[in-house]
PDB file of N, CA and C in Angstrom:
ATOM      1  N   UNK A   1      70.070 113.818 111.791  1.00  0.00           N
ATOM      2  CA  UNK A   1      70.874 112.094 111.220  1.00  0.00           C
ATOM      3  C   UNK A   1      69.884 111.203 110.643  1.00  0.00           C
ATOM      4  N   UNK A   2      70.486 109.950 109.704  1.00  0.00           N
ATOM      5  CA  UNK A   2      69.332 109.256 109.247  1.00  0.00           C
ATOM      6  C   UNK A   2      69.973 107.946 110.278  1.00  0.00           C
ATOM      7  N   UNK A   3      68.625 107.237 110.956  1.00  0.00           N
ATOM      8  CA  UNK A   3      68.861 105.909 111.602  1.00  0.00           C
ATOM      9  C   UNK A   3      69.263 104.740 110.130  1.00  0.00           C
ATOM     10  N   UNK A   4      70.441 103.977 111.161  1.00  0.00           N
ATOM     11  CA  UNK A   4      70.008 103.100 109.923  1.00  0.00           C
ATOM     12  C   UNK A   4      70.546 101.517 110.834  1.00  0.00           C
ATOM     13  N   UNK A   5      70.140 100.556 110.320  1.00  0.00           N
ATOM     14  CA  UNK A   5      70.087  99.134 110.949  1.00  0.00           C
ATOM     15  C   UNK A   5      71.459  98.243 110.883  1.00  0.00           C
ATOM     16  N   UNK A   6      72.087  98.160 111.437  1.00  0.00           N
ATOM     17  CA  UNK A   6      73.525  96.943 110.747  1.00  0.00           C
ATOM     18  C   UNK A   6      73.889  95.887 111.607  1.00  0.00           C
ATOM     19  N   UNK A   7      74.366  94.941 111.358  1.00  0.00           N
ATOM     20  CA  UNK A   7      74.699  93.867 111.894  1.00  0.00           C
ATOM     21  C   UNK A   7      76.223  93.827 111.926  1.00  0.00           C
ATOM     22  N   UNK A   8      76.656  93.176 113.196  1.00  0.00           N
ATOM     23  CA  UNK A   8      78.133  92.926 113.329  1.00  0.00           C
ATOM     24  C   UNK A   8      78.554  92.329 113.611  1.00  0.00           C
ATOM     25  N   UNK A   9      79.329  91.357 113.301  1.00  0.00           N
ATOM     26  CA  UNK A   9      79.977  90.113 113.507  1.00  0.00           C
ATOM     27  C   UNK A   9      80.821  90.272 115.486  1.00  0.00           C
ATOM     28  N   UNK A  10      80.314  89.095 116.321  1.00  0.00           N
ATOM     29  CA  UNK A  10      80.607  89.030 117.422  1.00  0.00           C
ATOM     30  C   UNK A  10      81.402  89.495 118.075  1.00  0.00           C
ATOM     31  N   UNK A  11      82.746  89.451 117.152  1.00  0.00           N
ATOM     32  CA  UNK A  11      84.117  90.049 117.763  1.00  0.00           C
ATOM     33  C   UNK A  11      84.190  91.310 117.265  1.00  0.00           C
ATOM     34  N   UNK A  12      83.650  92.064 116.348  1.00  0.00           N
ATOM     35  CA  UNK A  12      83.395  93.672 116.227  1.00  0.00           C
ATOM     36  C   UNK A  12      82.604  94.318 117.015  1.00  0.00           C
ATOM     37  N   UNK A  13      80.922  93.302 117.110  1.00  0.00           N
ATOM     38  CA  UNK A  13      79.898  93.922 119.032  1.00  0.00           C
ATOM     39  C   UNK A  13      81.357  93.631 120.049  1.00  0.00           C
ATOM     40  N   UNK A  14      81.974  92.961 120.118  1.00  0.00           N
ATOM     41  CA  UNK A  14      82.905  93.350 121.435  1.00  0.00           C
ATOM     42  C   UNK A  14      83.450  94.001 121.631  1.00  0.00           C
ATOM     43  N   UNK A  15      84.333  93.936 120.260  1.00  0.00           N
ATOM     44  CA  UNK A  15      84.884  95.416 120.577  1.00  0.00           C
ATOM     45  C   UNK A  15      84.633  96.756 120.612  1.00  0.00           C
ATOM     46  N   UNK A  16      83.259  96.818 119.845  1.00  0.00           N
ATOM     47  CA  UNK A  16      82.610  98.076 120.019  1.00  0.00           C
ATOM     48  C   UNK A  16      81.797  98.036 121.945  1.00  0.00           C
ATOM     49  N   UNK A  17      81.624  97.242 122.070  1.00  0.00           N
ATOM     50  CA  UNK A  17      80.481  97.665 123.755  1.00  0.00           C
ATOM     51  C   UNK A  17      82.313  97.604 124.693  1.00  0.00           C
ATOM     52  N   UNK A  18      83.242  97.418 124.262  1.00  0.00           N
ATOM     53  CA  UNK A  18      84.762  97.197 125.323  1.00  0.00           C
ATOM     54  C   UNK A  18      84.922  99.123 124.977  1.00  0.00           C
ATOM     55  N   UNK A  19      85.058  99.154 123.813  1.00  0.00           N
ATOM     56  CA  UNK A  19      85.329 100.509 123.796  1.00  0.00           C
ATOM     57  C   UNK A  19      84.607 102.053 124.743  1.00  0.00           C
ATOM     58  N   UNK A  20      83.204 101.443 123.979  1.00  0.00           N
ATOM     59  CA  UNK A  20      81.598 102.223 124.781  1.00  0.00           C
ATOM     60  C   UNK A  20      81.934 102.364 126.375  1.00  0.00           C
ATOM     61  N   UNK A  21      82.171 100.564 127.099  1.00  0.00           N
ATOM     62  CA  UNK A  21      82.456 100.304 127.890  1.00  0.00           C
ATOM     63  C   UNK A  21      83.649 101.414 129.217  1.00  0.00           C
ATOM     64  N   UNK A  22      84.536 101.295 128.285  1.00  0.00           N
ATOM     65  CA  UNK A  22      85.769 102.492 128.549  1.00  0.00           C
ATOM     66  C   UNK A  22      85.331 103.340 129.187  1.00  0.00           C
ATOM     67  N   UNK A  23      84.208 103.958 127.661  1.00  0.00           N
ATOM     68  CA  UNK A  23      84.594 105.629 127.747  1.00  0.00           C
ATOM     69  C   UNK A  23      84.951 106.603 127.204  1.00  0.00           C
ATOM     70  N   UNK A  24      85.506 105.058 126.257  1.00  0.00           N
ATOM     71  CA  UNK A  24      86.351 106.465 124.973  1.00  0.00           C
ATOM     72  C   UNK A  24      85.848 106.577 124.626  1.00  0.00           C
ATOM     73  N   UNK A  25      84.253 105.829 124.318  1.00  0.00           N
ATOM     74  CA  UNK A  25      83.281 107.234 123.663  1.00  0.00           C
ATOM     75  C   UNK A  25      81.839 106.622 123.849  1.00  0.00           C
ATOM     76  N   UNK A  26      80.321 107.721 123.683  1.00  0.00           N
ATOM     77  CA  UNK A  26      79.521 107.810 124.834  1.00  0.00           C
ATOM     78  C   UNK A  26      78.510 106.447 124.076  1.00  0.00           C
ATOM     79  N   UNK A  27      79.482 105.999 122.840  1.00  0.00           N
ATOM     80  CA  UNK A  27      77.909 105.399 122.007  1.00  0.00           C
ATOM     81  C   UNK A  27      78.485 104.308 121.320  1.00  0.00           C
ATOM     82  N   UNK A  28      78.025 103.454 120.339  1.00  0.00           N
ATOM     83  CA  UNK A  28      78.349 102.921 119.388  1.00  0.00           C
ATOM     84  C   UNK A  28      78.032 103.449 117.720  1.00  0.00           C
ATOM     85  N   UNK A  29      76.974 104.329 118.363  1.00  0.00           N
ATOM     86  CA  UNK A  29      76.622 105.019 116.615  1.00  0.00           C
ATOM     87  C   UNK A  29      77.716 106.376 117.331  1.00  0.00           C
ATOM     88  N   UNK A  30      78.386 106.882 118.390  1.00  0.00           N
ATOM     89  CA  UNK A  30      79.532 107.388 118.165  1.00  0.00           C
ATOM     90  C   UNK A  30      80.769 107.291 117.349  1.00  0.00           C
ATOM     91  N   UNK A  31      80.697 105.359 117.803  1.00  0.00           N
ATOM     92  CA  UNK A  31      81.984 105.129 118.273  1.00  0.00           C
ATOM     93  C   UNK A  31      82.527 104.710 115.697  1.00  0.00           C
ATOM     94  N   UNK A  32      81.199 104.213 116.094  1.00  0.00           N
ATOM     95  CA  UNK A  32      81.372 104.447 114.447  1.00  0.00           C
ATOM     96  C   UNK A  32      81.442 105.359 113.487  1.00  0.00           C
ATOM     97  N   UNK A  33      80.375 106.485 114.099  1.00  0.00           N
ATOM     98  CA  UNK A  33      80.720 107.400 112.955  1.00  0.00           C
ATOM     99  C   UNK A  33      81.784 108.075 113.181  1.00  0.00           C
ATOM    100  N   UNK A  34      82.519 107.921 114.542  1.00  0.00           N
ATOM    101  CA  UNK A  34      84.002 108.433 114.496  1.00  0.00           C
ATOM    102  C   UNK A  34      84.942 107.278 113.452  1.00  0.00           C
ATOM    103  N   UNK A  35      85.270 105.898 112.920  1.00  0.00           N
ATOM    104  CA  UNK A  35      85.768 105.528 112.297  1.00  0.00           C
ATOM    105  C   UNK A  35      85.057 105.936 111.060  1.00  0.00           C
ATOM    106  N   UNK A  36      84.333 106.150 110.779  1.00  0.00           N
ATOM    107  CA  UNK A  36      83.762 106.359 108.957  1.00  0.00           C
ATOM    108  C   UNK A  36      84.430 107.492 108.487  1.00  0.00           C
ATOM    109  N   UNK A  37      84.620 108.873 109.476  1.00  0.00           N
ATOM    110  CA  UNK A  37      85.393 109.996 109.682  1.00  0.00           C
ATOM    111  C   UNK A  37      86.761 109.594 109.353  1.00  0.00           C
ATOM    112  N   UNK A  38      87.651 108.320 109.844  1.00  0.00           N
ATOM    113  CA  UNK A  38      88.681 108.584 109.894  1.00  0.00           C
ATOM    114  C   UNK A  38      88.774 107.904 108.722  1.00  0.00           C
ATOM    115  N   UNK A  39      88.279 106.864 108.490  1.00  0.00           N
ATOM    116  CA  UNK A  39      88.123 106.332 107.072  1.00  0.00           C
ATOM    117  C   UNK A  39      88.128 107.458 106.161  1.00  0.00           C
ATOM    118  N   UNK A  40      87.127 108.301 105.818  1.00  0.00           N
ATOM    119  CA  UNK A  40      87.228 108.902 105.008  1.00  0.00           C
ATOM    120  C   UNK A  40      88.605 110.114 105.279  1.00  0.00           C
ATOM    121  N   UNK A  41      89.077 110.647 105.668  1.00  0.00           N
ATOM    122  CA  UNK A  41      90.160 111.352 106.437  1.00  0.00           C
ATOM    123  C   UNK A  41      91.267 110.455 105.245  1.00  0.00           C
ATOM    124  N   UNK A  42      91.363 109.168 105.825  1.00  0.00           N
ATOM    125  CA  UNK A  42      92.415 108.215 105.161  1.00  0.00           C
ATOM    126  C   UNK A  42      92.391 107.828 103.915  1.00  0.00           C
ATOM    127  N   UNK A  43      91.103 108.406 103.441  1.00  0.00           N
ATOM    128  CA  UNK A  43      90.937 108.325 101.561  1.00  0.00           C
ATOM    129  C   UNK A  43      91.033 109.076 101.102  1.00  0.00           C
ATOM    130  N   UNK A  44      91.017 110.006 101.690  1.00  0.00           N
ATOM    131  CA  UNK A  44      91.317 111.413 101.187  1.00  0.00           C
ATOM    132  C   UNK A  44      92.796 111.874 101.017  1.00  0.00           C
ATOM    133  N   UNK A  45      93.459 111.368 101.836  1.00  0.00           N
ATOM    134  CA  UNK A  45      95.283 111.374 102.198  1.00  0.00           C
ATOM    135  C   UNK A  45      95.633 110.985 100.939  1.00  0.00           C
ATOM    136  N   UNK A  46      94.915 109.492 101.014  1.00  0.00           N
ATOM    137  CA  UNK A  46      95.408 108.517  99.575  1.00  0.00           C
ATOM    138  C   UNK A  46      94.996 109.426  97.904  1.00  0.00           C
ATOM    139  N   UNK A  47      93.596 109.887  98.048  1.00  0.00           N
ATOM    140  CA  UNK A  47      93.710 110.203  97.062  1.00  0.00           C
ATOM    141  C   UNK A  47      94.716 111.144  96.661  1.00  0.00           C
ATOM    142  N   UNK A  48      94.960 112.438  97.696  1.00  0.00           N
ATOM    143  CA  UNK A  48      96.150 113.105  97.125  1.00  0.00           C
ATOM    144  C   UNK A  48      97.345 112.979  96.794  1.00  0.00           C
ATOM    145  N   UNK A  49      97.640 112.117  97.396  1.00  0.00           N
ATOM    146  CA  UNK A  49      99.310 110.754  97.401  1.00  0.00           C
ATOM    147  C   UNK A  49      99.040 110.623  95.971  1.00  0.00           C
ATOM    148  N   UNK A  50      97.893 109.505  95.752  1.00  0.00           N
ATOM    149  CA  UNK A  50      97.722 108.758  94.031  1.00  0.00           C
ATOM    150  C   UNK A  50      97.760 110.367  93.272  1.00  0.00           C
ATOM    151  N   UNK A  51      97.453 111.370  93.371  1.00  0.00           N
ATOM    152  CA  UNK A  51      97.951 112.161  92.377  1.00  0.00           C
ATOM    153  C   UNK A  51      98.557 112.546  92.066  1.00  0.00           C
ATOM    154  N   UNK A  52      99.920 113.251  93.116  1.00  0.00           N
ATOM    155  CA  UNK A  52     100.636 113.130  93.411  1.00  0.00           C
ATOM    156  C   UNK A  52     101.698 112.344  92.391  1.00  0.00           C
ATOM    157  N   UNK A  53     102.079 111.244  93.089  1.00  0.00           N
ATOM    158  CA  UNK A  53     102.855 110.099  92.055  1.00  0.00           C
ATOM    159  C   UNK A  53     101.821 109.713  90.396  1.00  0.00           C
ATOM    160  N   UNK A  54     100.908 109.857  90.171  1.00  0.00           N
ATOM    161  CA  UNK A  54     100.631 110.539  89.064  1.00  0.00           C
ATOM    162  C   UNK A  54     100.960 111.398  87.811  1.00  0.00           C
ATOM    163  N   UNK A  55     100.444 112.995  88.983  1.00  0.00           N
ATOM    164  CA  UNK A  55     101.393 113.771  87.694  1.00  0.00           C
ATOM    165  C   UNK A  55     102.259 114.361  87.894  1.00  0.00           C
ATOM    166  N   UNK A  56     103.503 113.435  88.702  1.00  0.00           N
ATOM    167  CA  UNK A  56     104.798 112.453  88.902  1.00  0.00           C
ATOM    168  C   UNK A  56     105.638 111.934  87.543  1.00  0.00           C
ATOM    169  N   UNK A  57     104.459 110.503  87.140  1.00  0.00           N
ATOM    170  CA  UNK A  57     104.730 110.018  86.395  1.00  0.00           C
ATOM    171  C   UNK A  57     104.542 110.765  85.091  1.00  0.00           C
ATOM    172  N   UNK A  58     103.845 111.687  84.624  1.00  0.00           N
ATOM    173  CA  UNK A  58     103.232 112.186  83.689  1.00  0.00           C
ATOM    174  C   UNK A  58     104.119 112.929  83.047  1.00  0.00           C
ATOM    175  N   UNK A  59     105.062 113.552  84.526  1.00  0.00           N
ATOM    176  CA  UNK A  59     106.030 114.392  83.813  1.00  0.00           C
ATOM    177  C   UNK A  59     107.196 113.877  83.156  1.00  0.00           C
ATOM    178  N   UNK A  60     107.226 112.608  83.434  1.00  0.00           N
ATOM    179  CA  UNK A  60     108.633 111.556  82.880  1.00  0.00           C
ATOM    180  C   UNK A  60     109.416 111.324  83.359  1.00  0.00           C
ATOM    181  N   UNK A  61     110.621 111.067  83.037  1.00  0.00           N
ATOM    182  CA  UNK A  61     111.638 110.806  83.356  1.00  0.00           C
ATOM    183  C   UNK A  61     112.832 111.635  83.371  1.00  0.00           C
ATOM    184  N   UNK A  62     114.251 111.062  84.375  1.00  0.00           N
ATOM    185  CA  UNK A  62     115.499 112.041  83.673  1.00  0.00           C
ATOM    186  C   UNK A  62     116.564 111.277  84.003  1.00  0.00           C
ATOM    187  N   UNK A  63     117.134 111.677  83.337  1.00  0.00           N
ATOM    188  CA  UNK A  63     118.094 111.085  83.191  1.00  0.00           C
ATOM    189  C   UNK A  63     119.820 111.700  84.120  1.00  0.00           C
ATOM    190  N   UNK A  64     119.146 112.645  85.289  1.00  0.00           N
ATOM    191  CA  UNK A  64     119.838 113.215  86.439  1.00  0.00           C
ATOM    192  C   UNK A  64     120.637 112.325  87.457  1.00  0.00           C
ATOM    193  N   UNK A  65     121.923 112.583  87.770  1.00  0.00           N
ATOM    194  CA  UNK A  65     122.333 111.746  89.013  1.00  0.00           C
ATOM    195  C   UNK A  65     121.659 112.032  90.321  1.00  0.00           C
ATOM    196  N   UNK A  66     121.394 111.024  91.664  1.00  0.00           N
ATOM    197  CA  UNK A  66     120.879 111.918  92.634  1.00  0.00           C
ATOM    198  C   UNK A  66     121.369 112.759  93.390  1.00  0.00           C
ATOM    199  N   UNK A  67     122.588 113.497  92.776  1.00  0.00           N
ATOM    200  CA  UNK A  67     123.489 114.393  93.357  1.00  0.00           C
ATOM    201  C   UNK A  67     122.741 115.264  92.654  1.00  0.00           C
ATOM    202  N   UNK A  68     122.593 115.411  91.234  1.00  0.00           N
ATOM    203  CA  UNK A  68     122.147 116.642  90.320  1.00  0.00           C
ATOM    204  C   UNK A  68     120.865 117.120  91.137  1.00  0.00           C
ATOM    205  N   UNK A  69     119.799 116.338  91.101  1.00  0.00           N
ATOM    206  CA  UNK A  69     118.526 116.307  91.944  1.00  0.00           C
ATOM    207  C   UNK A  69     118.467 116.384  92.848  1.00  0.00           C
ATOM    208  N   UNK A  70     119.091 116.379  93.985  1.00  0.00           N
ATOM    209  CA  UNK A  70     119.331 116.595  95.827  1.00  0.00           C
ATOM    210  C   UNK A  70     119.492 118.233  95.396  1.00  0.00           C
ATOM    211  N   UNK A  71     120.845 118.458  94.509  1.00  0.00           N
ATOM    212  CA  UNK A  71     120.846 120.559  94.395  1.00  0.00           C
ATOM    213  C   UNK A  71     119.879 121.065  93.557  1.00  0.00           C
ATOM    214  N   UNK A  72     119.153 120.222  92.585  1.00  0.00           N
ATOM    215  CA  UNK A  72     118.407 120.626  92.030  1.00  0.00           C
ATOM    216  C   UNK A  72     117.451 121.516  93.172  1.00  0.00           C
ATOM    217  N   UNK A  73     117.202 120.372  94.138  1.00  0.00           N
ATOM    218  CA  UNK A  73     115.721 120.599  94.674  1.00  0.00           C
ATOM    219  C   UNK A  73     116.233 121.392  96.011  1.00  0.00           C
ATOM    220  N   UNK A  74     117.536 121.904  96.312  1.00  0.00           N
ATOM    221  CA  UNK A  74     117.572 121.824  97.164  1.00  0.00           C
ATOM    222  C   UNK A  74     117.739 123.604  96.424  1.00  0.00           C
ATOM    223  N   UNK A  75     118.317 123.939  95.558  1.00  0.00           N
ATOM    224  CA  UNK A  75     118.422 125.113  95.021  1.00  0.00           C
ATOM    225  C   UNK A  75     116.242 125.530  95.222  1.00  0.00           C
ATOM    226  N   UNK A  76     115.921 124.736  94.705  1.00  0.00           N
ATOM    227  CA  UNK A  76     114.181 125.652  94.481  1.00  0.00           C
ATOM    228  C   UNK A  76     113.693 125.520  96.413  1.00  0.00           C
ATOM    229  N   UNK A  77     114.622 124.579  96.977  1.00  0.00           N
ATOM    230  CA  UNK A  77     113.882 125.072  98.433  1.00  0.00           C
ATOM    231  C   UNK A  77     114.159 126.302  98.713  1.00  0.00           C
ATOM    232  N   UNK A  78     115.724 126.668  98.394  1.00  0.00           N
ATOM    233  CA  UNK A  78     116.509 128.121  98.708  1.00  0.00           C
ATOM    234  C   UNK A  78     116.014 129.665  97.717  1.00  0.00           C
ATOM    235  N   UNK A  79     114.987 129.014  97.258  1.00  0.00           N
ATOM    236  CA  UNK A  79     115.137 130.217  96.221  1.00  0.00           C
ATOM    237  C   UNK A  79     116.046 130.119  95.611  1.00  0.00           C
TER     238      UNK A  79
END
């Protein structure tokens, strides 16, 4: 692993220390790596949702009623 030197604000450092002291994590490094993994996963989910929304927007709009859309959706789900 690559070694880094980072500086935390006092409140963030205290929070990190509390997490380690509660034995939730064995070190600040482990905790920071876990937070980064979570952020990366969240970013990937946001990108996936954004791509779906953009695809939907490009597909155009419909004049169907919500009842018609529901019927079409159920029909697609049921085969």
